[in-house]
Amino acid sequence: MKTQSGITFLIPFLFLLFISTIRAQTIYFCESVDDDGYPNSESSSFTIPDDGGYLYVLVRLPYEVDCSSITFEIYRNNDYDNTVYLDTDEDWVWFYKQITFYKRGTYEFFVYDCYDDMLVKGEVYIDFD
C-alpha cells in the first residue's frame, strides 16, 4: 500500500513540475509592436491594399536568442517565396521584422537561429481589399 500511495503522490507532483518548466516560443503577426515587445492588433489574417501592404512578424522566446542573426524562410501557398534575414543581439528574447506582402495567399513562416535550428513556425493569411 505504501508504494501505491507514494506513486499516487509522485505522479501529480511530476506533472506540476513538468508544466511549470514548459516555456514556448511564440510567433505573432500584427500591425505594430509596443516598446516591451508585445503585439498590437494581432491576427492570423490580414487584408491589405491591392498594391501591397506590410505587417510585423514578432517572435518571443523564453530564453536569449544567443545568435547575431535570424532567418525567416517564407512559403506562400506551400511554395517557397522568400528568405529574410534579421541581425540580432545575443541577449534578445524578442525581435520583430516588418514584412511587405504583394500577393494574396497563405504564408507560412519558419524562423531559424544562426545554428539552423528552428525557433518557431507560424501561418498568416493575406487578402486584398
N, C-alpha and C. Protein backbone atom coordinates (compact mmCIF):
# COMPACT_ATOMS: atom_id res chain seq x y z
N MET A 1 0.80 -1.19 0.00
CA MET A 1 0.00 0.00 0.00
C MET A 1 0.84 1.27 0.00
N LYS A 2 1.95 1.28 0.74
CA LYS A 2 2.79 2.47 0.78
C LYS A 2 3.33 2.82 -0.60
N THR A 3 3.68 1.81 -1.38
CA THR A 3 4.22 2.05 -2.71
C THR A 3 3.18 2.72 -3.60
N GLN A 4 1.95 2.23 -3.54
CA GLN A 4 0.89 2.80 -4.37
C GLN A 4 0.58 4.23 -3.96
N SER A 5 0.52 4.55 -2.68
CA SER A 5 0.23 5.92 -2.26
C SER A 5 1.40 6.84 -2.60
N GLY A 6 2.63 6.32 -2.54
CA GLY A 6 3.80 7.11 -2.94
C GLY A 6 3.76 7.45 -4.42
N ILE A 7 3.38 6.49 -5.24
CA ILE A 7 3.25 6.73 -6.68
C ILE A 7 2.11 7.69 -6.96
N THR A 8 1.01 7.54 -6.23
CA THR A 8 -0.14 8.43 -6.41
C THR A 8 0.26 9.87 -6.11
N PHE A 9 1.10 10.09 -5.13
CA PHE A 9 1.57 11.44 -4.80
C PHE A 9 2.60 11.90 -5.83
N LEU A 10 3.48 11.02 -6.27
CA LEU A 10 4.57 11.37 -7.15
C LEU A 10 4.10 11.80 -8.54
N ILE A 11 3.11 11.15 -9.09
CA ILE A 11 2.64 11.45 -10.45
C ILE A 11 2.13 12.89 -10.55
N PRO A 12 1.22 13.34 -9.69
CA PRO A 12 0.79 14.75 -9.80
C PRO A 12 1.94 15.74 -9.57
N PHE A 13 2.85 15.40 -8.66
CA PHE A 13 3.99 16.28 -8.41
C PHE A 13 4.86 16.41 -9.66
N LEU A 14 5.15 15.30 -10.33
CA LEU A 14 5.96 15.35 -11.55
C LEU A 14 5.22 16.09 -12.66
N PHE A 15 3.93 15.91 -12.75
CA PHE A 15 3.13 16.62 -13.75
C PHE A 15 3.20 18.13 -13.52
N LEU A 16 3.03 18.57 -12.28
CA LEU A 16 3.12 20.01 -11.98
C LEU A 16 4.52 20.55 -12.25
N LEU A 17 5.52 19.77 -11.94
CA LEU A 17 6.90 20.18 -12.23
C LEU A 17 7.11 20.32 -13.73
N PHE A 18 6.60 19.38 -14.50
CA PHE A 18 6.73 19.42 -15.96
C PHE A 18 6.01 20.65 -16.51
N ILE A 19 4.80 20.90 -16.07
CA ILE A 19 4.02 22.05 -16.56
C ILE A 19 4.72 23.36 -16.22
N SER A 20 5.31 23.46 -15.05
CA SER A 20 5.96 24.71 -14.65
C SER A 20 7.23 24.99 -15.45
N THR A 21 7.82 23.97 -16.07
CA THR A 21 9.04 24.18 -16.84
C THR A 21 8.78 24.35 -18.33
N ILE A 22 7.55 24.19 -18.78
CA ILE A 22 7.24 24.36 -20.19
C ILE A 22 7.29 25.85 -20.52
N ARG A 23 8.10 26.16 -21.50
CA ARG A 23 8.19 27.53 -21.99
C ARG A 23 8.22 27.45 -23.50
N ALA A 24 7.36 28.19 -24.13
CA ALA A 24 7.23 28.06 -25.58
C ALA A 24 7.65 29.33 -26.29
N GLN A 25 8.20 29.13 -27.47
CA GLN A 25 8.47 30.21 -28.37
C GLN A 25 7.14 30.56 -29.05
N THR A 26 6.95 31.83 -29.35
CA THR A 26 5.69 32.25 -29.95
C THR A 26 5.96 33.20 -31.10
N ILE A 27 5.19 33.03 -32.17
CA ILE A 27 5.25 33.95 -33.30
C ILE A 27 3.91 34.66 -33.41
N TYR A 28 3.98 35.96 -33.64
CA TYR A 28 2.78 36.79 -33.78
C TYR A 28 2.84 37.54 -35.10
N PHE A 29 1.70 37.73 -35.72
CA PHE A 29 1.55 38.59 -36.89
C PHE A 29 0.68 39.75 -36.43
N CYS A 30 1.18 40.97 -36.61
CA CYS A 30 0.49 42.11 -36.01
C CYS A 30 0.73 43.39 -36.81
N GLU A 31 -0.04 44.43 -36.46
CA GLU A 31 0.08 45.72 -37.13
C GLU A 31 1.21 46.57 -36.56
N SER A 32 1.59 46.32 -35.31
CA SER A 32 2.72 47.02 -34.70
C SER A 32 3.17 46.24 -33.47
N VAL A 33 4.33 46.67 -32.94
CA VAL A 33 4.91 46.04 -31.75
C VAL A 33 5.19 47.15 -30.75
N ASP A 34 4.76 46.95 -29.50
CA ASP A 34 4.99 48.00 -28.50
C ASP A 34 6.44 47.96 -27.99
N ASP A 35 6.79 48.92 -27.18
CA ASP A 35 8.17 49.06 -26.70
C ASP A 35 8.62 47.90 -25.81
N ASP A 36 7.67 47.13 -25.28
CA ASP A 36 8.01 45.98 -24.43
C ASP A 36 8.00 44.66 -25.20
N GLY A 37 7.79 44.74 -26.52
CA GLY A 37 7.83 43.54 -27.35
C GLY A 37 6.56 42.74 -27.39
N TYR A 38 5.42 43.43 -27.25
CA TYR A 38 4.12 42.76 -27.34
C TYR A 38 3.38 43.23 -28.57
N PRO A 39 2.60 42.34 -29.20
CA PRO A 39 1.92 42.69 -30.45
C PRO A 39 0.72 43.59 -30.23
N ASN A 40 0.49 44.49 -31.19
CA ASN A 40 -0.73 45.30 -31.26
C ASN A 40 -1.51 44.85 -32.49
N SER A 41 -2.79 44.63 -32.31
CA SER A 41 -3.68 44.17 -33.40
C SER A 41 -3.17 42.87 -34.02
N GLU A 42 -2.96 41.90 -33.16
CA GLU A 42 -2.50 40.57 -33.59
C GLU A 42 -3.63 39.84 -34.31
N SER A 43 -3.28 39.08 -35.35
CA SER A 43 -4.27 38.30 -36.07
C SER A 43 -3.57 37.21 -36.88
N SER A 44 -4.35 36.26 -37.37
CA SER A 44 -3.82 35.25 -38.28
C SER A 44 -4.29 35.51 -39.70
N SER A 45 -4.99 36.65 -39.89
CA SER A 45 -5.49 37.02 -41.21
C SER A 45 -5.50 38.54 -41.32
N PHE A 46 -5.02 39.05 -42.46
CA PHE A 46 -4.98 40.49 -42.69
C PHE A 46 -5.47 40.80 -44.10
N THR A 47 -6.08 41.96 -44.26
CA THR A 47 -6.48 42.47 -45.56
C THR A 47 -5.63 43.69 -45.85
N ILE A 48 -4.96 43.67 -47.00
CA ILE A 48 -4.06 44.76 -47.37
C ILE A 48 -4.53 45.38 -48.68
N PRO A 49 -4.02 46.57 -49.03
CA PRO A 49 -4.36 47.19 -50.31
C PRO A 49 -3.89 46.34 -51.49
N ASP A 50 -4.53 46.53 -52.64
CA ASP A 50 -4.18 45.76 -53.84
C ASP A 50 -2.73 45.94 -54.27
N ASP A 51 -2.13 47.10 -53.97
CA ASP A 51 -0.74 47.35 -54.37
C ASP A 51 0.26 46.89 -53.30
N GLY A 52 -0.22 46.19 -52.29
CA GLY A 52 0.67 45.63 -51.28
C GLY A 52 0.53 46.32 -49.93
N GLY A 53 1.05 45.68 -48.93
CA GLY A 53 1.00 46.22 -47.58
C GLY A 53 1.92 45.42 -46.68
N TYR A 54 2.17 45.96 -45.51
CA TYR A 54 3.10 45.28 -44.62
C TYR A 54 2.46 44.98 -43.28
N LEU A 55 3.09 44.07 -42.57
CA LEU A 55 2.76 43.78 -41.19
C LEU A 55 4.04 43.35 -40.50
N TYR A 56 3.95 43.18 -39.21
CA TYR A 56 5.12 42.81 -38.42
C TYR A 56 5.03 41.35 -38.02
N VAL A 57 6.17 40.69 -38.07
CA VAL A 57 6.30 39.32 -37.58
C VAL A 57 7.15 39.40 -36.32
N LEU A 58 6.52 39.12 -35.18
CA LEU A 58 7.15 39.21 -33.87
C LEU A 58 7.40 37.81 -33.33
N VAL A 59 8.60 37.59 -32.82
CA VAL A 59 8.95 36.32 -32.18
C VAL A 59 9.34 36.61 -30.74
N ARG A 60 8.73 35.89 -29.81
CA ARG A 60 9.07 35.99 -28.38
C ARG A 60 9.61 34.64 -27.95
N LEU A 61 10.74 34.67 -27.23
CA LEU A 61 11.41 33.46 -26.77
C LEU A 61 11.45 33.43 -25.24
N PRO A 62 11.48 32.26 -24.64
CA PRO A 62 11.62 32.15 -23.18
C PRO A 62 13.09 32.15 -22.74
N TYR A 63 13.99 32.46 -23.68
CA TYR A 63 15.42 32.45 -23.42
C TYR A 63 16.09 33.43 -24.37
N GLU A 64 17.34 33.73 -24.14
CA GLU A 64 18.09 34.62 -25.03
C GLU A 64 18.38 33.89 -26.34
N VAL A 65 18.33 34.62 -27.44
CA VAL A 65 18.49 34.02 -28.76
C VAL A 65 19.90 33.48 -28.98
N ASP A 66 20.91 34.07 -28.36
CA ASP A 66 22.29 33.59 -28.42
C ASP A 66 22.81 33.50 -29.86
N CYS A 67 22.39 34.43 -30.71
CA CYS A 67 22.82 34.49 -32.11
C CYS A 67 22.91 35.94 -32.54
N SER A 68 23.68 36.17 -33.59
CA SER A 68 23.78 37.53 -34.12
C SER A 68 22.92 37.73 -35.36
N SER A 69 22.23 36.69 -35.80
CA SER A 69 21.30 36.82 -36.92
C SER A 69 20.25 35.72 -36.88
N ILE A 70 19.12 36.03 -37.48
CA ILE A 70 17.97 35.13 -37.55
C ILE A 70 17.53 35.04 -39.00
N THR A 71 16.98 33.91 -39.41
CA THR A 71 16.50 33.71 -40.77
C THR A 71 15.00 33.42 -40.75
N PHE A 72 14.25 34.13 -41.58
CA PHE A 72 12.83 33.87 -41.79
C PHE A 72 12.70 33.24 -43.18
N GLU A 73 12.33 31.97 -43.24
CA GLU A 73 12.01 31.33 -44.52
C GLU A 73 10.50 31.43 -44.71
N ILE A 74 10.10 31.95 -45.87
CA ILE A 74 8.69 32.24 -46.11
C ILE A 74 8.20 31.43 -47.31
N TYR A 75 7.07 30.76 -47.11
CA TYR A 75 6.41 30.00 -48.16
C TYR A 75 5.01 30.57 -48.37
N ARG A 76 4.60 30.67 -49.64
CA ARG A 76 3.24 31.12 -49.95
C ARG A 76 2.52 29.99 -50.66
N ASN A 77 1.38 29.61 -50.12
CA ASN A 77 0.59 28.51 -50.69
C ASN A 77 1.46 27.27 -50.92
N ASN A 78 2.29 26.95 -49.96
CA ASN A 78 3.16 25.77 -49.94
C ASN A 78 4.35 25.84 -50.90
N ASP A 79 4.57 26.97 -51.56
CA ASP A 79 5.73 27.14 -52.44
C ASP A 79 6.68 28.16 -51.83
N TYR A 80 7.97 27.93 -52.00
CA TYR A 80 8.96 28.88 -51.49
C TYR A 80 8.70 30.26 -52.05
N ASP A 81 8.76 31.28 -51.18
CA ASP A 81 8.52 32.65 -51.60
C ASP A 81 9.74 33.53 -51.40
N ASN A 82 10.37 33.48 -50.20
CA ASN A 82 11.41 34.43 -49.89
C ASN A 82 12.16 34.00 -48.63
N THR A 83 13.37 34.52 -48.48
CA THR A 83 14.13 34.38 -47.24
C THR A 83 14.52 35.78 -46.79
N VAL A 84 14.28 36.07 -45.52
CA VAL A 84 14.56 37.38 -44.95
C VAL A 84 15.47 37.18 -43.75
N TYR A 85 16.47 38.05 -43.62
CA TYR A 85 17.43 37.95 -42.53
C TYR A 85 17.26 39.13 -41.58
N LEU A 86 17.56 38.89 -40.32
CA LEU A 86 17.49 39.93 -39.30
C LEU A 86 18.71 39.83 -38.42
N ASP A 87 19.44 40.94 -38.30
CA ASP A 87 20.56 40.98 -37.35
C ASP A 87 20.00 41.13 -35.94
N THR A 88 20.57 40.38 -35.01
CA THR A 88 20.08 40.40 -33.63
C THR A 88 21.27 40.57 -32.67
N ASP A 89 20.94 40.87 -31.44
CA ASP A 89 21.91 40.82 -30.36
C ASP A 89 21.70 39.50 -29.63
N GLU A 90 22.77 38.94 -29.10
CA GLU A 90 22.69 37.61 -28.49
C GLU A 90 21.79 37.55 -27.26
N ASP A 91 21.57 38.67 -26.59
CA ASP A 91 20.75 38.66 -25.37
C ASP A 91 19.28 38.96 -25.62
N TRP A 92 18.87 39.11 -26.88
CA TRP A 92 17.47 39.40 -27.17
C TRP A 92 16.59 38.20 -26.85
N VAL A 93 15.44 38.47 -26.26
CA VAL A 93 14.43 37.44 -26.01
C VAL A 93 13.19 37.68 -26.86
N TRP A 94 13.17 38.76 -27.61
CA TRP A 94 12.12 39.01 -28.60
C TRP A 94 12.70 39.88 -29.70
N PHE A 95 12.14 39.72 -30.89
CA PHE A 95 12.57 40.50 -32.05
C PHE A 95 11.43 40.48 -33.06
N TYR A 96 11.47 41.45 -33.97
CA TYR A 96 10.44 41.51 -34.99
C TYR A 96 11.02 42.01 -36.29
N LYS A 97 10.28 41.73 -37.37
CA LYS A 97 10.67 42.17 -38.70
C LYS A 97 9.43 42.64 -39.42
N GLN A 98 9.53 43.79 -40.08
CA GLN A 98 8.44 44.29 -40.92
C GLN A 98 8.55 43.58 -42.27
N ILE A 99 7.48 42.94 -42.69
CA ILE A 99 7.46 42.20 -43.95
C ILE A 99 6.38 42.80 -44.84
N THR A 100 6.73 43.05 -46.11
CA THR A 100 5.78 43.58 -47.08
C THR A 100 5.25 42.44 -47.94
N PHE A 101 3.95 42.44 -48.16
CA PHE A 101 3.27 41.42 -48.95
C PHE A 101 2.66 42.07 -50.19
N TYR A 102 2.77 41.38 -51.34
CA TYR A 102 2.21 41.88 -52.59
C TYR A 102 1.22 40.92 -53.21
N LYS A 103 1.13 39.71 -52.67
CA LYS A 103 0.24 38.68 -53.23
C LYS A 103 -0.64 38.12 -52.13
N ARG A 104 -1.84 37.75 -52.50
CA ARG A 104 -2.73 37.10 -51.53
C ARG A 104 -2.32 35.64 -51.39
N GLY A 105 -2.68 35.09 -50.27
CA GLY A 105 -2.41 33.67 -50.05
C GLY A 105 -2.13 33.36 -48.60
N THR A 106 -1.86 32.12 -48.34
CA THR A 106 -1.49 31.65 -47.02
C THR A 106 0.02 31.57 -46.95
N TYR A 107 0.59 32.34 -46.03
CA TYR A 107 2.04 32.40 -45.86
C TYR A 107 2.44 31.62 -44.62
N GLU A 108 3.44 30.77 -44.79
CA GLU A 108 3.97 30.01 -43.67
C GLU A 108 5.39 30.51 -43.41
N PHE A 109 5.68 30.83 -42.16
CA PHE A 109 6.98 31.34 -41.74
C PHE A 109 7.69 30.29 -40.91
N PHE A 110 8.96 30.06 -41.23
CA PHE A 110 9.83 29.21 -40.45
C PHE A 110 10.99 30.09 -39.99
N VAL A 111 11.19 30.21 -38.69
CA VAL A 111 12.21 31.10 -38.15
C VAL A 111 13.33 30.24 -37.58
N TYR A 112 14.56 30.50 -38.08
CA TYR A 112 15.73 29.72 -37.69
C TYR A 112 16.77 30.61 -37.02
N ASP A 113 17.49 30.02 -36.07
CA ASP A 113 18.60 30.75 -35.44
C ASP A 113 19.87 30.57 -36.28
N CYS A 114 20.98 31.08 -35.80
CA CYS A 114 22.24 31.04 -36.55
C CYS A 114 22.84 29.63 -36.61
N TYR A 115 22.28 28.69 -35.88
CA TYR A 115 22.73 27.30 -35.92
C TYR A 115 21.82 26.44 -36.80
N ASP A 116 20.91 27.11 -37.52
CA ASP A 116 19.91 26.45 -38.37
C ASP A 116 18.91 25.61 -37.58
N ASP A 117 18.73 25.92 -36.30
CA ASP A 117 17.69 25.27 -35.50
C ASP A 117 16.42 26.10 -35.63
N MET A 118 15.29 25.43 -35.87
CA MET A 118 14.03 26.16 -35.99
C MET A 118 13.59 26.65 -34.61
N LEU A 119 13.35 27.94 -34.52
CA LEU A 119 12.87 28.53 -33.28
C LEU A 119 11.36 28.42 -33.17
N VAL A 120 10.68 28.71 -34.27
CA VAL A 120 9.22 28.73 -34.26
C VAL A 120 8.71 28.76 -35.70
N LYS A 121 7.47 28.36 -35.89
CA LYS A 121 6.84 28.50 -37.19
C LYS A 121 5.43 29.00 -36.98
N GLY A 122 4.91 29.65 -38.01
CA GLY A 122 3.56 30.19 -37.92
C GLY A 122 2.99 30.46 -39.29
N GLU A 123 1.70 30.78 -39.32
CA GLU A 123 0.99 30.94 -40.58
C GLU A 123 0.08 32.15 -40.52
N VAL A 124 0.00 32.88 -41.63
CA VAL A 124 -0.87 34.04 -41.72
C VAL A 124 -1.50 34.05 -43.12
N TYR A 125 -2.76 34.48 -43.18
CA TYR A 125 -3.46 34.59 -44.45
C TYR A 125 -3.54 36.06 -44.84
N ILE A 126 -3.17 36.36 -46.10
CA ILE A 126 -3.20 37.72 -46.62
C ILE A 126 -4.24 37.79 -47.74
N ASP A 127 -5.11 38.79 -47.65
CA ASP A 127 -6.12 39.02 -48.69
C ASP A 127 -6.04 40.48 -49.11
N PHE A 128 -6.69 40.84 -50.20
CA PHE A 128 -6.70 42.21 -50.70
C PHE A 128 -8.05 42.86 -50.44
N ASP A 129 -8.02 44.20 -50.37
CA ASP A 129 -9.28 44.98 -50.22
C ASP A 129 -10.22 44.68 -51.36
